[in-house]
Amino acid sequence: MKDIKLIHCLNISQKVPNWFGNNAAKHKQPDVNSVKNAGKKLKVFSARDVVKISHQEQIRDLISQKTDDQPGFGGWISHYPGAVTTVMAGLSDAELKEAEETAKEWNENRPPKEAQQT
């Protein structure tokens, strides 16, 4: 009888860590450092996000030189990150600083409608 109880205890001692391994991730605590508004996470804007919006035409021109695809399709999408990086590399220090300040302002206050839709 003692052998059965011992086996049962060993079996439970294996099951408990297994249960925690399977279920602990489901019950994670919310990140206290995330920006929240009424229970919803808000986008945290960076200078890159500001450049995407303020230099849209320049980005589109760069992409249209590389592909004939329509905006939002196929090759166009694959060229988008590189075009944004190229535009950012071409900005002056003052323009980059202005983009960073704008991003900070958007994070503290509401961004304009065009930025909220991205």
C-alpha atoms as a PDB file:
ATOM      1  CA  MET A   1       0.000   0.000   0.000  1.00  0.00           C
ATOM      2  CA  LYS A   2       2.857   2.391   0.812  1.00  0.00           C
ATOM      3  CA  ASP A   3       4.388   1.656  -2.595  1.00  0.00           C
ATOM      4  CA  ILE A   4       1.209   2.777  -4.374  1.00  0.00           C
ATOM      5  CA  LYS A   5       1.084   6.039  -2.388  1.00  0.00           C
ATOM      6  CA  LEU A   6       4.755   6.646  -3.125  1.00  0.00           C
ATOM      7  CA  ILE A   7       4.204   6.089  -6.852  1.00  0.00           C
ATOM      8  CA  HIS A   8       1.152   8.367  -6.749  1.00  0.00           C
ATOM      9  CA  CYS A   9       3.185  11.120  -5.024  1.00  0.00           C
ATOM     10  CA  LEU A  10       5.963  10.822  -7.589  1.00  0.00           C
ATOM     11  CA  ASN A  11       3.412  10.980 -10.390  1.00  0.00           C
ATOM     12  CA  ILE A  12       1.872  14.172  -8.948  1.00  0.00           C
ATOM     13  CA  SER A  13       5.307  15.700  -8.416  1.00  0.00           C
ATOM     14  CA  GLN A  14       5.902  15.274 -12.151  1.00  0.00           C
ATOM     15  CA  LYS A  15       2.479  16.587 -13.156  1.00  0.00           C
ATOM     16  CA  VAL A  16       2.641  19.865 -11.208  1.00  0.00           C
ATOM     17  CA  PRO A  17       5.723  21.268 -12.989  1.00  0.00           C
ATOM     18  CA  ASN A  18       4.283  20.034 -16.277  1.00  0.00           C
ATOM     19  CA  TRP A  19       1.013  21.909 -15.630  1.00  0.00           C
ATOM     20  CA  PHE A  20       2.886  25.118 -14.787  1.00  0.00           C
ATOM     21  CA  GLY A  21       4.987  24.739 -17.909  1.00  0.00           C
ATOM     22  CA  ASN A  22       1.882  24.443 -20.051  1.00  0.00           C
ATOM     23  CA  ASN A  23      -0.302  27.046 -18.341  1.00  0.00           C
ATOM     24  CA  ALA A  24       1.921  29.689 -16.749  1.00  0.00           C
ATOM     25  CA  ALA A  25       2.268  31.638 -20.018  1.00  0.00           C
ATOM     26  CA  LYS A  26      -1.519  31.954 -20.285  1.00  0.00           C
ATOM     27  CA  HIS A  27      -1.676  33.955 -17.066  1.00  0.00           C
ATOM     28  CA  LYS A  28       1.023  36.586 -17.658  1.00  0.00           C
ATOM     29  CA  GLN A  29       0.682  39.886 -15.868  1.00  0.00           C
ATOM     30  CA  PRO A  30       0.145  42.925 -18.099  1.00  0.00           C
ATOM     31  CA  ASP A  31       3.213  45.000 -18.879  1.00  0.00           C
ATOM     32  CA  VAL A  32       3.174  48.043 -16.603  1.00  0.00           C
ATOM     33  CA  ASN A  33       5.516  49.949 -18.934  1.00  0.00           C
ATOM     34  CA  SER A  34       3.139  49.862 -21.892  1.00  0.00           C
ATOM     35  CA  VAL A  35       1.215  52.992 -22.800  1.00  0.00           C
ATOM     36  CA  LYS A  36      -2.492  52.487 -22.134  1.00  0.00           C
ATOM     37  CA  ASN A  37      -5.605  54.527 -22.585  1.00  0.00           C
ATOM     38  CA  ALA A  38      -8.917  53.195 -21.269  1.00  0.00           C
ATOM     39  CA  GLY A  39      -7.559  49.660 -21.281  1.00  0.00           C
ATOM     40  CA  LYS A  40      -6.319  49.844 -24.868  1.00  0.00           C
ATOM     41  CA  LYS A  41      -2.672  49.905 -25.846  1.00  0.00           C
ATOM     42  CA  LEU A  42      -1.700  52.960 -27.835  1.00  0.00           C
ATOM     43  CA  LYS A  43       0.899  53.009 -30.554  1.00  0.00           C
ATOM     44  CA  VAL A  44       4.226  54.423 -29.431  1.00  0.00           C
ATOM     45  CA  PHE A  45       5.513  56.598 -32.251  1.00  0.00           C
ATOM     46  CA  SER A  46       9.145  56.857 -33.313  1.00  0.00           C
ATOM     47  CA  ALA A  47      10.949  59.284 -35.585  1.00  0.00           C
ATOM     48  CA  ARG A  48      10.643  56.659 -38.334  1.00  0.00           C
ATOM     49  CA  ASP A  49       6.839  56.768 -38.018  1.00  0.00           C
ATOM     50  CA  VAL A  50       6.891  60.552 -38.363  1.00  0.00           C
ATOM     51  CA  VAL A  51       9.078  60.295 -41.474  1.00  0.00           C
ATOM     52  CA  LYS A  52       6.703  57.715 -42.992  1.00  0.00           C
ATOM     53  CA  ILE A  53       3.888  60.229 -42.755  1.00  0.00           C
ATOM     54  CA  SER A  54       5.677  63.511 -43.426  1.00  0.00           C
ATOM     55  CA  HIS A  55       7.674  62.203 -46.418  1.00  0.00           C
ATOM     56  CA  GLN A  56       5.044  59.955 -48.041  1.00  0.00           C
ATOM     57  CA  GLU A  57       5.482  61.395 -51.535  1.00  0.00           C
ATOM     58  CA  GLN A  58       9.261  61.024 -51.467  1.00  0.00           C
ATOM     59  CA  ILE A  59       8.926  57.398 -50.310  1.00  0.00           C
ATOM     60  CA  ARG A  60       6.373  56.658 -53.059  1.00  0.00           C
ATOM     61  CA  ASP A  61       8.643  58.216 -55.691  1.00  0.00           C
ATOM     62  CA  LEU A  62      11.571  56.038 -54.622  1.00  0.00           C
ATOM     63  CA  ILE A  63       9.446  52.889 -54.754  1.00  0.00           C
ATOM     64  CA  SER A  64       7.915  53.758 -58.127  1.00  0.00           C
ATOM     65  CA  GLN A  65      11.454  54.022 -59.554  1.00  0.00           C
ATOM     66  CA  LYS A  66      12.121  50.424 -58.461  1.00  0.00           C
ATOM     67  CA  THR A  67       8.834  48.690 -59.354  1.00  0.00           C
ATOM     68  CA  ASP A  68       5.791  49.067 -61.564  1.00  0.00           C
ATOM     69  CA  ASP A  69       3.468  47.449 -59.006  1.00  0.00           C
ATOM     70  CA  GLN A  70       0.584  49.434 -57.586  1.00  0.00           C
ATOM     71  CA  PRO A  71       1.008  50.827 -54.049  1.00  0.00           C
ATOM     72  CA  GLY A  72       0.209  48.131 -51.504  1.00  0.00           C
ATOM     73  CA  PHE A  73       0.829  45.142 -53.788  1.00  0.00           C
ATOM     74  CA  GLY A  74       3.642  42.647 -54.336  1.00  0.00           C
ATOM     75  CA  GLY A  75       6.982  44.261 -55.048  1.00  0.00           C
ATOM     76  CA  TRP A  76       5.824  47.632 -53.800  1.00  0.00           C
ATOM     77  CA  ILE A  77       5.471  46.310 -50.266  1.00  0.00           C
ATOM     78  CA  SER A  78       8.875  44.635 -50.359  1.00  0.00           C
ATOM     79  CA  HIS A  79      10.553  47.930 -51.359  1.00  0.00           C
ATOM     80  CA  TYR A  80       8.787  50.053 -48.718  1.00  0.00           C
ATOM     81  CA  PRO A  81      11.120  49.478 -45.708  1.00  0.00           C
ATOM     82  CA  GLY A  82      14.205  50.164 -47.823  1.00  0.00           C
ATOM     83  CA  ALA A  83      12.684  53.359 -49.213  1.00  0.00           C
ATOM     84  CA  VAL A  84      11.888  54.608 -45.709  1.00  0.00           C
ATOM     85  CA  THR A  85      15.462  53.867 -44.630  1.00  0.00           C
ATOM     86  CA  THR A  86      16.822  55.693 -47.698  1.00  0.00           C
ATOM     87  CA  VAL A  87      14.668  58.748 -46.989  1.00  0.00           C
ATOM     88  CA  MET A  88      15.741  58.761 -43.328  1.00  0.00           C
ATOM     89  CA  ALA A  89      19.403  58.507 -44.331  1.00  0.00           C
ATOM     90  CA  GLY A  90      18.950  61.545 -46.574  1.00  0.00           C
ATOM     91  CA  LEU A  91      17.527  63.738 -43.820  1.00  0.00           C
ATOM     92  CA  SER A  92      19.640  66.377 -42.140  1.00  0.00           C
ATOM     93  CA  ASP A  93      20.377  66.276 -38.422  1.00  0.00           C
ATOM     94  CA  ALA A  94      17.890  69.102 -37.881  1.00  0.00           C
ATOM     95  CA  GLU A  95      15.152  67.212 -39.746  1.00  0.00           C
ATOM     96  CA  LEU A  96      15.833  64.046 -37.732  1.00  0.00           C
ATOM     97  CA  LYS A  97      15.740  66.012 -34.487  1.00  0.00           C
ATOM     98  CA  GLU A  98      12.446  67.602 -35.549  1.00  0.00           C
ATOM     99  CA  ALA A  99      11.023  64.141 -36.349  1.00  0.00           C
ATOM    100  CA  GLU A 100      12.093  62.875 -32.902  1.00  0.00           C
ATOM    101  CA  GLU A 101      10.492  65.879 -31.203  1.00  0.00           C
ATOM    102  CA  THR A 102       7.296  65.348 -33.205  1.00  0.00           C
ATOM    103  CA  ALA A 103       7.230  61.673 -32.193  1.00  0.00           C
ATOM    104  CA  LYS A 104       7.665  62.671 -28.541  1.00  0.00           C
ATOM    105  CA  GLU A 105       4.803  65.160 -28.869  1.00  0.00           C
ATOM    106  CA  TRP A 106       2.585  62.522 -30.529  1.00  0.00           C
ATOM    107  CA  ASN A 107       3.310  60.104 -27.683  1.00  0.00           C
ATOM    108  CA  GLU A 108       2.433  62.690 -25.038  1.00  0.00           C
ATOM    109  CA  ASN A 109      -0.630  64.084 -26.838  1.00  0.00           C
ATOM    110  CA  ARG A 110      -2.831  62.667 -29.524  1.00  0.00           C
ATOM    111  CA  PRO A 111      -1.250  62.463 -32.965  1.00  0.00           C
ATOM    112  CA  PRO A 112      -3.038  63.941 -35.990  1.00  0.00           C
ATOM    113  CA  LYS A 113      -5.766  61.880 -37.699  1.00  0.00           C
ATOM    114  CA  GLU A 114      -3.482  60.838 -40.566  1.00  0.00           C
ATOM    115  CA  ALA A 115      -1.017  59.338 -38.086  1.00  0.00           C
ATOM    116  CA  GLN A 116      -3.758  57.538 -36.145  1.00  0.00           C
ATOM    117  CA  GLN A 117      -4.882  55.699 -39.268  1.00  0.00           C
ATOM    118  CA  THR A 118      -1.489  54.068 -39.921  1.00  0.00           C
END
